[in-house]
Amino acid sequence: MFIDIHVHPAFYEPINEDTKVEELRHDALDIHLNGTAPLQHILNQMRCAGLDRLCLLPEDYSTEYGRPLVTNEEIKRLVDLAPDRLIGFAGVDPLADGALDKLEHAFGDLKLKGLKLHPARQHFYPSDERLNPIYDMCEKYHKPIIFHSGMSWEPNTLTKYSRPIEFEELAAARPGMKICLAHFGWPWVQETAMLMLKYPNVYADTGILYFDNALEFYKRVFNHDIPATWIDRSLRHQVMFGSNNPRFEQIRMADAISQLGFRDSTLELIKGGNAIEFLGGLEDTFSGHVSGEC
């Protein structure tokens, strides 16, 4: 099974009935050249990329905008449209009023699979004590957390909050809670690798592509900044494929990940095995690829 652990559905057509909300999303995420995508288009793009599942991540910047950009209920609505293809994560603004109740509703009632947080945008350090109730809730429900880490192209982001080393205290204090450093913490990819080597509860995804094309950038990161042998020999159970779509194109990234010299068994883990472990398993509802043309 091939899983994309890092997808933002802000411009999926079923949750863009309101043009004002769509405009807000374009401005808030600094993504302007794409339109909205019908669900069938999304499913066909998955087929062309060889992907079986997408993990949908919301954005809740309530402190900044007075409302989430993509709500947990919208994520649930999308998942219900294609439950054998889509996996939903929750989002909260952890420093906003009512965040804890919102998260419990997302886990207990909406049955979302984990939590997405963005320290650089939400302006908190991962070890901030004000986050402890949020982390307690994740541990109560045995839910993993995907953190944005490293650089962010979004407006109003401060990278100091999301440098990989800032996650060490959290990883050490809560060894039973799985955390993913999205984007491999780029540009601090060796720092991310150090944390993964030291803490088995730390994962990373491959949603990085800031220069060149997919294959060239992946070769730079995974054949030079981090030798492929580091992943093949030591980190093979902690790396997950992620595209950061729609900012980056899934098809080219999915193709490029297979051309980096990893062993077949390592590639199988990166493409899906590690994501299944990170998520705590998946319901057995998958029924094969969708039809369509690439």
Protein backbone atom coordinates (compact mmCIF):
# COMPACT_ATOMS: atom_id res chain seq x y z
CA MET A 1 0.00 0.00 0.00
CA PHE A 2 1.26 3.47 -0.97
CA ILE A 3 0.20 6.25 1.44
CA ASP A 4 0.76 9.98 1.13
CA ILE A 5 0.93 11.06 4.79
CA HIS A 6 0.92 14.81 4.07
CA VAL A 7 -1.86 16.30 1.92
CA HIS A 8 -3.74 19.58 2.39
CA PRO A 9 -7.31 19.43 1.00
CA ALA A 10 -7.99 23.18 1.29
CA PHE A 11 -8.98 23.38 -2.37
CA TYR A 12 -11.04 20.21 -2.73
CA GLU A 13 -14.30 21.13 -4.39
CA PRO A 14 -16.68 19.46 -1.88
CA ILE A 15 -15.58 21.86 0.89
CA ASN A 16 -15.37 25.03 -1.23
CA GLU A 17 -18.98 26.05 -1.65
CA ASP A 18 -18.22 29.50 -0.20
CA THR A 19 -16.10 31.65 -2.53
CA LYS A 20 -15.08 33.99 0.31
CA VAL A 21 -13.67 31.08 2.28
CA GLU A 22 -11.84 29.85 -0.81
CA GLU A 23 -10.29 33.30 -1.29
CA LEU A 24 -9.23 33.35 2.35
CA ARG A 25 -7.55 29.98 1.92
CA HIS A 26 -5.61 31.15 -1.13
CA ASP A 27 -4.34 34.21 0.70
CA ALA A 28 -3.67 32.52 4.03
CA LEU A 29 -1.71 29.65 2.49
CA ASP A 30 -0.07 31.77 -0.23
CA ILE A 31 -1.24 29.35 -2.92
CA HIS A 32 -2.85 31.18 -5.84
CA LEU A 33 -2.42 29.36 -9.15
CA ASN A 34 -4.71 26.38 -8.54
CA GLY A 35 -8.47 26.12 -8.70
CA THR A 36 -10.69 23.74 -6.79
CA ALA A 37 -10.51 20.04 -7.61
CA PRO A 38 -13.50 17.69 -7.87
CA LEU A 39 -13.15 14.54 -5.82
CA GLN A 40 -12.98 12.36 -8.93
CA HIS A 41 -9.98 14.38 -10.13
CA ILE A 42 -8.26 13.79 -6.78
CA LEU A 43 -8.90 10.05 -7.01
CA ASN A 44 -7.63 9.93 -10.58
CA GLN A 45 -4.45 11.81 -9.61
CA MET A 46 -3.94 9.23 -6.88
CA ARG A 47 -4.18 6.47 -9.46
CA CYS A 48 -1.70 8.19 -11.76
CA ALA A 49 0.76 8.53 -8.86
CA GLY A 50 0.19 4.94 -7.72
CA LEU A 51 -1.18 6.15 -4.38
CA ASP A 52 -3.72 4.14 -2.42
CA ARG A 53 -4.46 6.51 0.48
CA LEU A 54 -4.14 10.21 1.26
CA CYS A 55 -3.82 11.59 4.78
CA LEU A 56 -5.74 14.88 4.85
CA LEU A 57 -4.40 17.61 7.13
CA PRO A 58 -6.47 20.64 8.18
CA GLU A 59 -5.27 24.11 9.15
CA ASP A 60 -6.67 25.80 12.24
CA TYR A 61 -5.33 29.34 12.64
CA SER A 62 -8.27 30.62 14.68
CA THR A 63 -6.17 33.10 16.64
CA GLU A 64 -5.10 34.73 13.39
CA TYR A 65 -8.31 34.58 11.35
CA GLY A 66 -11.10 34.03 13.86
CA ARG A 67 -11.92 30.64 12.29
CA PRO A 68 -10.09 27.54 11.02
CA LEU A 69 -9.05 27.59 7.38
CA VAL A 70 -10.16 23.97 7.08
CA THR A 71 -12.31 22.58 9.88
CA ASN A 72 -12.28 19.13 11.41
CA GLU A 73 -15.87 18.68 10.26
CA GLU A 74 -14.82 19.40 6.67
CA ILE A 75 -12.07 16.80 6.95
CA LYS A 76 -14.61 14.30 8.23
CA ARG A 77 -16.97 15.16 5.36
CA LEU A 78 -14.25 14.44 2.81
CA VAL A 79 -13.27 11.17 4.47
CA ASP A 80 -16.89 10.02 4.44
CA LEU A 81 -17.00 10.60 0.67
CA ALA A 82 -14.16 8.12 0.08
CA PRO A 83 -13.41 6.23 3.31
CA ASP A 84 -11.29 3.62 1.54
CA ARG A 85 -9.03 6.32 0.07
CA LEU A 86 -8.90 9.19 2.56
CA ILE A 87 -7.58 9.37 6.13
CA GLY A 88 -8.50 12.38 8.25
CA PHE A 89 -6.43 14.27 10.79
CA ALA A 90 -7.68 16.87 13.26
CA GLY A 91 -6.45 20.41 13.61
CA VAL A 92 -6.70 22.82 16.52
CA ASP A 93 -5.18 26.18 17.36
CA PRO A 94 -3.63 25.01 20.63
CA LEU A 95 -3.52 28.46 22.23
CA ALA A 96 -7.12 29.38 21.33
CA ASP A 97 -10.04 29.08 23.73
CA GLY A 98 -11.83 25.76 23.49
CA ALA A 99 -8.99 23.93 21.75
CA LEU A 100 -9.09 20.97 24.13
CA ASP A 101 -12.83 20.42 23.77
CA LYS A 102 -12.50 20.72 20.00
CA LEU A 103 -9.76 18.09 19.97
CA GLU A 104 -11.73 15.68 22.13
CA HIS A 105 -14.69 16.04 19.76
CA ALA A 106 -12.40 15.36 16.80
CA PHE A 107 -11.00 12.19 18.36
CA GLY A 108 -14.04 10.92 20.25
CA ASP A 109 -16.89 11.82 17.88
CA LEU A 110 -15.36 12.43 14.44
CA LYS A 111 -12.89 9.53 14.84
CA LEU A 112 -10.02 11.40 13.20
CA LYS A 113 -6.71 9.56 13.18
CA GLY A 114 -4.29 12.11 14.61
CA LEU A 115 -3.46 15.80 15.08
CA LYS A 116 -1.69 18.32 12.84
CA LEU A 117 0.03 21.33 14.45
CA HIS A 118 2.08 24.16 12.90
CA PRO A 119 4.39 25.75 15.51
CA ALA A 120 5.86 28.27 13.06
CA ARG A 121 2.40 29.59 12.11
CA GLN A 122 0.71 29.17 15.49
CA HIS A 123 3.74 30.68 17.27
CA PHE A 124 4.60 28.20 20.00
CA TYR A 125 7.61 26.09 20.84
CA PRO A 126 6.84 22.35 20.94
CA SER A 127 7.95 22.14 24.59
CA ASP A 128 5.67 25.02 25.68
CA GLU A 129 3.92 23.88 28.88
CA ARG A 130 0.65 25.36 27.59
CA LEU A 131 0.57 22.49 25.09
CA ASN A 132 0.59 19.78 27.77
CA PRO A 133 -3.22 19.36 27.88
CA ILE A 134 -3.21 18.89 24.09
CA TYR A 135 -0.46 16.28 24.33
CA ASP A 136 -2.28 14.57 27.21
CA MET A 137 -5.37 14.29 25.03
CA CYS A 138 -3.35 12.73 22.21
CA GLU A 139 -1.89 10.19 24.62
CA LYS A 140 -5.33 9.45 26.08
CA TYR A 141 -6.64 8.54 22.62
CA HIS A 142 -3.33 7.05 21.38
CA LYS A 143 -3.16 9.52 18.50
CA PRO A 144 0.04 10.64 16.72
CA ILE A 145 0.92 14.23 15.92
CA ILE A 146 2.26 15.61 12.63
CA PHE A 147 4.15 18.84 13.27
CA HIS A 148 5.21 21.24 10.60
CA SER A 149 8.99 21.47 11.00
CA GLY A 150 11.68 23.49 9.27
CA MET A 151 10.91 26.27 6.82
CA SER A 152 7.37 27.27 5.92
CA TRP A 153 6.34 29.26 2.87
CA GLU A 154 3.12 30.36 4.51
CA PRO A 155 2.82 34.00 5.59
CA ASN A 156 3.21 34.95 9.26
CA THR A 157 5.54 32.03 10.00
CA LEU A 158 8.63 32.18 12.20
CA THR A 159 11.00 29.28 11.58
CA LYS A 160 12.58 29.54 15.03
CA TYR A 161 9.55 27.73 16.48
CA SER A 162 9.87 24.73 14.17
CA ARG A 163 13.58 23.96 13.96
CA PRO A 164 13.94 20.20 14.59
CA ILE A 165 16.07 20.55 17.72
CA GLU A 166 13.13 22.31 19.41
CA PHE A 167 11.25 18.98 19.37
CA GLU A 168 13.81 17.03 21.39
CA GLU A 169 12.42 17.89 24.82
CA LEU A 170 8.94 16.74 23.74
CA ALA A 171 10.25 13.51 22.19
CA ALA A 172 12.21 12.72 25.34
CA ALA A 173 9.40 13.58 27.75
CA ARG A 174 6.70 11.57 25.95
CA PRO A 175 8.33 8.45 24.47
CA GLY A 176 4.96 6.76 23.98
CA MET A 177 3.61 9.52 21.75
CA LYS A 178 4.51 9.28 18.07
CA ILE A 179 5.44 12.55 16.40
CA CYS A 180 6.28 13.26 12.77
CA LEU A 181 8.56 16.13 11.79
CA ALA A 182 7.01 17.07 8.47
CA HIS A 183 9.19 18.17 5.55
CA PHE A 184 12.09 16.31 7.19
CA GLY A 185 12.78 19.56 9.06
CA TRP A 186 14.40 21.07 5.96
CA PRO A 187 16.93 22.66 5.82
CA TRP A 188 18.01 20.96 9.07
CA VAL A 189 17.68 17.44 7.71
CA GLN A 190 20.72 16.08 9.57
CA GLU A 191 19.28 17.48 12.79
CA THR A 192 16.06 15.61 12.03
CA ALA A 193 18.03 12.41 11.35
CA MET A 194 19.80 12.82 14.70
CA LEU A 195 16.49 13.01 16.55
CA MET A 196 15.15 9.97 14.69
CA LEU A 197 18.28 8.00 15.55
CA LYS A 198 18.00 8.93 19.22
CA TYR A 199 14.21 8.71 19.66
CA PRO A 200 12.26 5.86 18.02
CA ASN A 201 8.98 7.78 18.51
CA VAL A 202 10.19 10.47 16.05
CA TYR A 203 9.24 10.05 12.39
CA ALA A 204 9.74 12.34 9.37
CA ASP A 205 8.00 12.74 6.04
CA THR A 206 9.41 13.50 2.61
CA GLY A 207 7.23 16.53 1.81
CA ILE A 208 10.21 18.72 0.85
CA LEU A 209 10.74 20.37 -2.53
CA TYR A 210 11.93 23.96 -2.54
CA PHE A 211 14.41 24.01 -5.44
CA ASP A 212 14.89 22.13 -8.72
CA ASN A 213 12.56 19.32 -9.71
CA ALA A 214 11.45 16.44 -7.54
CA LEU A 215 14.17 13.98 -8.47
CA GLU A 216 17.01 16.52 -8.29
CA PHE A 217 15.93 17.85 -4.92
CA TYR A 218 15.38 14.39 -3.46
CA LYS A 219 18.82 13.34 -4.69
CA ARG A 220 20.36 16.35 -2.96
CA VAL A 221 18.63 15.59 0.34
CA PHE A 222 18.64 11.79 0.41
CA ASN A 223 21.86 11.04 -1.45
CA HIS A 224 24.00 13.95 -0.26
CA ASP A 225 22.72 15.77 2.84
CA ILE A 226 21.64 12.41 4.23
CA PRO A 227 23.28 9.39 2.56
CA ALA A 228 20.75 6.80 1.44
CA THR A 229 22.59 4.29 3.65
CA TRP A 230 21.55 6.23 6.76
CA ILE A 231 17.93 5.50 5.95
CA ASP A 232 18.54 1.99 4.61
CA ARG A 233 20.50 0.90 7.69
CA SER A 234 19.22 2.96 10.63
CA LEU A 235 16.14 5.08 9.92
CA ARG A 236 14.16 2.81 7.60
CA HIS A 237 11.27 2.39 10.06
CA GLN A 238 10.76 6.13 10.64
CA VAL A 239 10.54 7.75 7.18
CA MET A 240 7.15 8.20 5.50
CA PHE A 241 6.27 9.43 2.02
CA GLY A 242 4.59 12.84 2.05
CA SER A 243 3.99 15.24 -0.81
CA ASN A 244 2.72 18.46 0.81
CA ASN A 245 0.19 18.60 -2.05
CA PRO A 246 -1.15 20.98 -3.43
CA ARG A 247 2.02 23.04 -3.04
CA PHE A 248 3.99 20.22 -4.68
CA GLU A 249 2.94 17.67 -7.27
CA GLN A 250 2.36 14.15 -6.01
CA ILE A 251 2.97 12.32 -9.28
CA ARG A 252 6.56 13.49 -9.74
CA MET A 253 7.42 13.08 -6.07
CA ALA A 254 5.98 9.57 -5.91
CA ASP A 255 8.04 8.63 -8.97
CA ALA A 256 11.23 10.27 -7.65
CA ILE A 257 11.18 8.50 -4.27
CA SER A 258 11.65 5.20 -6.08
CA GLN A 259 14.85 6.37 -7.84
CA LEU A 260 17.09 7.08 -4.85
CA GLY A 261 18.74 3.70 -4.42
CA PHE A 262 16.85 2.45 -1.38
CA ARG A 263 16.45 -1.29 -0.93
CA ASP A 264 13.05 -2.59 -2.02
CA SER A 265 12.19 -3.49 1.56
CA THR A 266 13.06 0.03 2.72
CA LEU A 267 11.02 1.57 -0.08
CA GLU A 268 8.00 -0.50 0.95
CA LEU A 269 8.29 0.89 4.47
CA ILE A 270 8.62 4.48 3.24
CA LYS A 271 5.68 4.12 0.87
CA GLY A 272 3.24 2.72 3.40
CA GLY A 273 4.46 0.35 6.07
CA ASN A 274 5.74 3.10 8.35
CA ALA A 275 2.61 5.21 7.90
CA ILE A 276 0.42 2.30 8.94
CA GLU A 277 2.56 1.85 12.06
CA PHE A 278 2.51 5.60 12.77
CA LEU A 279 -1.28 5.72 12.45
CA GLY A 280 -1.77 2.70 14.68
CA GLY A 281 -3.19 0.59 11.85
CA LEU A 282 -5.85 1.14 9.21
CA GLU A 283 -9.36 -0.18 8.82
CA ASP A 284 -9.44 -2.86 6.14
CA THR A 285 -11.69 -1.00 3.72
CA PHE A 286 -9.40 -0.61 0.73
CA SER A 287 -10.94 -1.96 -2.46
CA GLY A 288 -8.37 -1.33 -5.18
CA HIS A 289 -7.47 1.45 -7.61
CA VAL A 290 -9.96 3.80 -9.17
CA SER A 291 -10.46 3.93 -12.91
CA GLY A 292 -9.59 6.89 -15.12
CA GLU A 293 -6.94 8.26 -17.43
CA CYS A 294 -3.66 9.90 -16.46
